[in-house]
């Protein structure tokens, strides 16, 4: 759950940064950072990368939609029946996310080895860590520059 919240926060923060600071340029930098980290951690050849990225990008896009639906779940001022319905919805969305990940793995196993697939969570962790560090650096720079 913590990982999901961190990912949702990062995606939201990255989106707001993208809108605030030239959108496409920042998105492209983030994409390039993801490609660099994943290529390094997974040791993707150019041929593997060619097959990997379309599958993984589709996964990211679909996962983001599911996470948006999770964010929309109401949590305040609910009756017991409404709370139960929201909990069921949350569990259904988490199952959708899990099914999506299973589907991605089945597609990727045709492109890269299982030894590389198992390293995807490590690549994601390193990517999130790098983004967080860059955000922290940017905030510190803005604080030193007065704004």
Protein backbone atom coordinates (compact mmCIF):
# COMPACT_ATOMS: atom_id res chain seq x y z
CA UNK A 1 0.00 0.00 0.00
CA UNK A 2 2.85 2.35 0.87
CA UNK A 3 4.45 1.65 -2.51
CA UNK A 4 1.17 2.40 -4.25
CA UNK A 5 0.76 5.68 -2.40
CA UNK A 6 4.34 6.69 -3.16
CA UNK A 7 3.86 5.85 -6.83
CA UNK A 8 0.60 7.79 -6.93
CA UNK A 9 2.28 10.76 -5.23
CA UNK A 10 5.22 10.65 -7.64
CA UNK A 11 2.96 10.45 -10.67
CA UNK A 12 0.88 13.35 -9.39
CA UNK A 13 3.93 15.39 -8.53
CA UNK A 14 5.62 14.64 -11.86
CA UNK A 15 2.43 15.58 -13.69
CA UNK A 16 2.18 18.89 -11.85
CA UNK A 17 5.86 19.60 -12.52
CA UNK A 18 5.35 18.76 -16.16
CA UNK A 19 2.49 21.23 -16.46
CA UNK A 20 4.31 23.91 -14.52
CA UNK A 21 7.63 23.68 -16.31
CA UNK A 22 7.33 23.19 -19.99
CA UNK A 23 5.44 19.91 -20.00
CA UNK A 24 6.86 17.92 -22.85
CA UNK A 25 10.49 18.71 -22.13
CA UNK A 26 10.21 17.49 -18.55
CA UNK A 27 8.19 14.43 -19.55
CA UNK A 28 10.88 13.58 -22.07
CA UNK A 29 13.61 13.93 -19.43
CA UNK A 30 11.68 11.61 -17.13
CA UNK A 31 11.16 9.08 -19.92
CA UNK A 32 14.85 9.20 -20.79
CA UNK A 33 15.76 8.67 -17.13
CA UNK A 34 13.43 5.66 -16.95
CA UNK A 35 14.90 4.20 -20.14
CA UNK A 36 18.46 4.67 -18.87
CA UNK A 37 17.77 3.07 -15.51
CA UNK A 38 15.76 0.15 -16.85
CA UNK A 39 18.28 -0.51 -19.61
CA UNK A 40 21.06 -0.57 -17.03
CA UNK A 41 19.30 -2.67 -14.38
CA UNK A 42 17.75 -5.14 -16.83
CA UNK A 43 20.80 -5.15 -19.13
CA UNK A 44 18.54 -4.78 -22.19
CA UNK A 45 20.06 -5.22 -25.61
CA UNK A 46 18.77 -2.87 -28.30
CA UNK A 47 16.64 -5.68 -29.73
CA UNK A 48 15.19 -6.48 -26.29
CA UNK A 49 14.52 -2.80 -25.61
CA UNK A 50 12.64 -2.56 -28.90
CA UNK A 51 10.24 -5.26 -27.73
CA UNK A 52 10.21 -4.27 -24.06
CA UNK A 53 9.23 -0.60 -24.18
CA UNK A 54 5.93 -0.84 -26.09
CA UNK A 55 4.69 -3.53 -23.67
CA UNK A 56 5.94 -1.73 -20.57
CA UNK A 57 4.62 1.68 -21.67
CA UNK A 58 1.16 0.16 -22.30
CA UNK A 59 1.34 -1.35 -18.82
CA UNK A 60 2.27 2.02 -17.26
CA UNK A 61 -0.56 3.79 -19.05
CA UNK A 62 -3.14 1.22 -17.96
CA UNK A 63 -1.81 1.13 -14.40
CA UNK A 64 -2.03 4.92 -14.20
CA UNK A 65 -5.73 4.77 -15.14
CA UNK A 66 -6.36 2.20 -12.41
CA UNK A 67 -4.49 4.33 -9.88
CA UNK A 68 -6.57 7.36 -10.90
CA UNK A 69 -9.68 5.29 -10.18
CA UNK A 70 -8.21 4.37 -6.77
CA UNK A 71 -7.62 8.02 -5.96
CA UNK A 72 -11.27 8.74 -6.75
CA UNK A 73 -12.50 6.34 -4.07
CA UNK A 74 -14.36 8.24 -1.38
CA UNK A 75 -13.14 7.70 2.17
CA UNK A 76 -14.89 10.35 4.25
CA UNK A 77 -18.42 10.73 5.57
CA UNK A 78 -19.60 7.30 4.47
CA UNK A 79 -22.25 5.05 5.89
CA UNK A 80 -21.17 1.48 6.67
CA UNK A 81 -22.77 0.27 3.44
CA UNK A 82 -21.02 2.96 1.40
CA UNK A 83 -17.70 2.21 3.10
CA UNK A 84 -18.11 -1.48 2.33
CA UNK A 85 -18.84 -0.67 -1.32
CA UNK A 86 -15.75 1.53 -1.51
CA UNK A 87 -13.60 -1.21 0.05
CA UNK A 88 -14.92 -3.71 -2.50
CA UNK A 89 -14.15 -1.25 -5.29
CA UNK A 90 -10.61 -0.77 -3.93
CA UNK A 91 -10.03 -4.54 -3.82
CA UNK A 92 -11.39 -4.93 -7.36
CA UNK A 93 -9.04 -2.21 -8.60
CA UNK A 94 -6.06 -3.82 -6.88
CA UNK A 95 -7.00 -7.12 -8.53
CA UNK A 96 -7.19 -5.35 -11.89
CA UNK A 97 -3.71 -3.97 -11.26
CA UNK A 98 -2.42 -7.44 -10.40
CA UNK A 99 -4.05 -8.93 -13.50
CA UNK A 100 -2.48 -6.17 -15.56
CA UNK A 101 0.94 -7.02 -14.16
CA UNK A 102 0.41 -10.74 -14.91
CA UNK A 103 -0.55 -9.85 -18.48
CA UNK A 104 2.54 -7.67 -18.86
CA UNK A 105 4.76 -10.51 -17.65
CA UNK A 106 3.21 -12.93 -20.14
CA UNK A 107 3.83 -10.49 -22.97
CA UNK A 108 7.38 -9.68 -21.82
CA UNK A 109 8.43 -13.31 -21.50
CA UNK A 110 8.24 -13.47 -25.31
CA UNK A 111 10.72 -10.57 -25.49
CA UNK A 112 13.11 -10.88 -22.53
CA UNK A 113 14.16 -13.62 -20.12
CA UNK A 114 12.46 -14.28 -16.80
CA UNK A 115 15.78 -13.37 -15.14
CA UNK A 116 15.33 -9.87 -16.54
CA UNK A 117 11.60 -9.70 -15.80
CA UNK A 118 12.23 -10.44 -12.13
CA UNK A 119 14.46 -7.34 -11.98
CA UNK A 120 11.69 -4.95 -13.08
CA UNK A 121 10.66 -4.06 -9.49
CA UNK A 122 14.30 -3.16 -8.73
CA UNK A 123 14.42 -0.94 -11.82
CA UNK A 124 11.17 0.72 -10.76
CA UNK A 125 12.54 1.30 -7.26
CA UNK A 126 15.75 2.83 -8.62
CA UNK A 127 13.74 5.02 -10.98
CA UNK A 128 11.46 6.30 -8.18
CA UNK A 129 14.50 6.91 -5.98
CA UNK A 130 16.21 8.90 -8.72
CA UNK A 131 13.10 11.00 -9.36
CA UNK A 132 12.70 11.70 -5.65
CA UNK A 133 16.34 12.77 -5.39
CA UNK A 134 15.98 15.10 -8.37
CA UNK A 135 12.80 16.60 -6.93
CA UNK A 136 14.57 17.12 -3.61
CA UNK A 137 17.54 18.78 -5.36
CA UNK A 138 15.19 21.03 -7.33
CA UNK A 139 13.39 22.10 -4.16
CA UNK A 140 16.69 22.86 -2.45
CA UNK A 141 17.83 24.92 -5.44
CA UNK A 142 14.55 26.83 -5.49
CA UNK A 143 14.88 27.44 -1.76
CA UNK A 144 18.40 28.83 -2.22
CA UNK A 145 17.30 30.94 -5.17
CA UNK A 146 14.35 32.34 -3.28
CA UNK A 147 11.55 30.76 -5.14
